[in-house]
Amino acid sequence: MKARVTVTLKTGILDPQGKAIEGALRALGIEGIASVRQGKMFEIELDGTADRAKAEALLKQAADKLLANTVIENYRVDVLG
């Protein structure tokens, strides 16, 4: 079973890396970009887990304990199948 955990900064948290990317895009002449927020994405393959609910619970535990800093970040778990 494969899954994806997407981690993004919470609204209101400053994102200097996103601002740097935004500035670089403008410097490259790419127009129409209002703002950029960066994040991270983890593709995870689960071993022998056929139960989607258990897989989702396992991934939420992984995100809470390691993948995301839940003080300043949100995360989304997508079990892909």
C-alpha atoms as a PDB file:
ATOM      1  CA  MET A   1       0.000   0.000   0.000  1.00  0.00           C
ATOM      2  CA  LYS A   2       1.304   3.430  -0.898  1.00  0.00           C
ATOM      3  CA  ALA A   3       0.585   6.727   0.804  1.00  0.00           C
ATOM      4  CA  ARG A   4       1.513  10.380   0.715  1.00  0.00           C
ATOM      5  CA  VAL A   5       1.950  12.744   3.664  1.00  0.00           C
ATOM      6  CA  THR A   6       1.950  16.433   2.715  1.00  0.00           C
ATOM      7  CA  VAL A   7       3.260  18.911   5.292  1.00  0.00           C
ATOM      8  CA  THR A   8       2.671  22.669   5.010  1.00  0.00           C
ATOM      9  CA  LEU A   9       3.190  25.643   7.258  1.00  0.00           C
ATOM     10  CA  LYS A  10       0.150  26.828   9.177  1.00  0.00           C
ATOM     11  CA  THR A  11      -1.511  30.056   8.081  1.00  0.00           C
ATOM     12  CA  GLY A  12       0.183  33.029   9.705  1.00  0.00           C
ATOM     13  CA  ILE A  13       3.596  31.352  10.046  1.00  0.00           C
ATOM     14  CA  LEU A  14       6.281  33.284   8.175  1.00  0.00           C
ATOM     15  CA  ASP A  15       7.762  31.394   5.230  1.00  0.00           C
ATOM     16  CA  PRO A  16      11.128  32.915   4.252  1.00  0.00           C
ATOM     17  CA  GLN A  17      11.914  30.063   1.859  1.00  0.00           C
ATOM     18  CA  GLY A  18       8.587  30.600   0.083  1.00  0.00           C
ATOM     19  CA  LYS A  19       9.338  34.329  -0.171  1.00  0.00           C
ATOM     20  CA  ALA A  20      12.780  33.568  -1.643  1.00  0.00           C
ATOM     21  CA  ILE A  21      11.215  31.251  -4.232  1.00  0.00           C
ATOM     22  CA  GLU A  22       8.607  33.903  -5.031  1.00  0.00           C
ATOM     23  CA  GLY A  23      11.360  36.492  -5.597  1.00  0.00           C
ATOM     24  CA  ALA A  24      13.375  34.096  -7.750  1.00  0.00           C
ATOM     25  CA  LEU A  25      10.358  33.349  -9.936  1.00  0.00           C
ATOM     26  CA  ARG A  26       9.802  37.056 -10.475  1.00  0.00           C
ATOM     27  CA  ALA A  27      13.505  37.529 -11.259  1.00  0.00           C
ATOM     28  CA  LEU A  28      13.197  34.801 -13.893  1.00  0.00           C
ATOM     29  CA  GLY A  29      10.388  36.749 -15.527  1.00  0.00           C
ATOM     30  CA  ILE A  30       7.616  34.395 -14.505  1.00  0.00           C
ATOM     31  CA  GLU A  31       4.571  36.604 -14.103  1.00  0.00           C
ATOM     32  CA  GLY A  32       1.263  36.122 -12.356  1.00  0.00           C
ATOM     33  CA  ILE A  33       2.602  34.556  -9.145  1.00  0.00           C
ATOM     34  CA  ALA A  34       0.795  36.156  -6.190  1.00  0.00           C
ATOM     35  CA  SER A  35       2.618  34.272  -3.423  1.00  0.00           C
ATOM     36  CA  VAL A  36       4.498  31.061  -2.717  1.00  0.00           C
ATOM     37  CA  ARG A  37       4.353  28.843   0.384  1.00  0.00           C
ATOM     38  CA  GLN A  38       6.734  25.903   0.514  1.00  0.00           C
ATOM     39  CA  GLY A  39       6.193  22.551   2.159  1.00  0.00           C
ATOM     40  CA  LYS A  40       7.348  18.967   1.978  1.00  0.00           C
ATOM     41  CA  MET A  41       5.855  15.749   0.711  1.00  0.00           C
ATOM     42  CA  PHE A  42       6.664  12.190   1.771  1.00  0.00           C
ATOM     43  CA  GLU A  43       5.829   9.174  -0.390  1.00  0.00           C
ATOM     44  CA  ILE A  44       5.618   6.154   1.869  1.00  0.00           C
ATOM     45  CA  GLU A  45       5.169   2.512   0.995  1.00  0.00           C
ATOM     46  CA  LEU A  46       3.597   0.437   3.754  1.00  0.00           C
ATOM     47  CA  ASP A  47       4.509  -3.195   4.248  1.00  0.00           C
ATOM     48  CA  GLY A  48       1.620  -5.663   4.453  1.00  0.00           C
ATOM     49  CA  THR A  49      -1.082  -3.181   5.525  1.00  0.00           C
ATOM     50  CA  ALA A  50      -4.348  -3.907   3.726  1.00  0.00           C
ATOM     51  CA  ASP A  51      -6.593  -2.002   6.154  1.00  0.00           C
ATOM     52  CA  ARG A  52      -6.845   1.643   5.048  1.00  0.00           C
ATOM     53  CA  ALA A  53      -7.966   2.845   8.481  1.00  0.00           C
ATOM     54  CA  LYS A  54      -4.954   1.225  10.169  1.00  0.00           C
ATOM     55  CA  ALA A  55      -2.640   2.618   7.502  1.00  0.00           C
ATOM     56  CA  GLU A  56      -4.030   6.116   7.980  1.00  0.00           C
ATOM     57  CA  ALA A  57      -3.695   5.856  11.769  1.00  0.00           C
ATOM     58  CA  LEU A  58      -0.091   4.662  11.417  1.00  0.00           C
ATOM     59  CA  LEU A  59       0.779   7.537   9.093  1.00  0.00           C
ATOM     60  CA  LYS A  60      -0.860  10.106  11.357  1.00  0.00           C
ATOM     61  CA  GLN A  61       1.239   8.760  14.218  1.00  0.00           C
ATOM     62  CA  ALA A  62       4.379   9.090  12.061  1.00  0.00           C
ATOM     63  CA  ALA A  63       3.461  12.665  11.123  1.00  0.00           C
ATOM     64  CA  ASP A  64       2.700  13.648  14.717  1.00  0.00           C
ATOM     65  CA  LYS A  65       5.938  12.162  16.034  1.00  0.00           C
ATOM     66  CA  LEU A  66       8.436  12.933  13.266  1.00  0.00           C
ATOM     67  CA  LEU A  67       7.328  14.169   9.869  1.00  0.00           C
ATOM     68  CA  ALA A  68       5.643  17.409  10.953  1.00  0.00           C
ATOM     69  CA  ASN A  69       6.254  19.998  13.640  1.00  0.00           C
ATOM     70  CA  THR A  70       2.604  20.295  14.635  1.00  0.00           C
ATOM     71  CA  VAL A  71       3.218  23.576  16.454  1.00  0.00           C
ATOM     72  CA  ILE A  72       3.827  25.373  13.146  1.00  0.00           C
ATOM     73  CA  GLU A  73       2.841  22.828  10.465  1.00  0.00           C
ATOM     74  CA  ASN A  74      -0.285  21.082   9.239  1.00  0.00           C
ATOM     75  CA  TYR A  75      -0.242  17.736   7.474  1.00  0.00           C
ATOM     76  CA  ARG A  76      -2.526  15.728   5.228  1.00  0.00           C
ATOM     77  CA  VAL A  77      -2.432  11.951   4.864  1.00  0.00           C
ATOM     78  CA  ASP A  78      -3.564  10.373   1.568  1.00  0.00           C
ATOM     79  CA  VAL A  79      -3.649   6.580   1.364  1.00  0.00           C
ATOM     80  CA  LEU A  80      -3.288   5.839  -2.350  1.00  0.00           C
ATOM     81  CA  GLY A  81      -3.905   2.122  -2.416  1.00  0.00           C
END
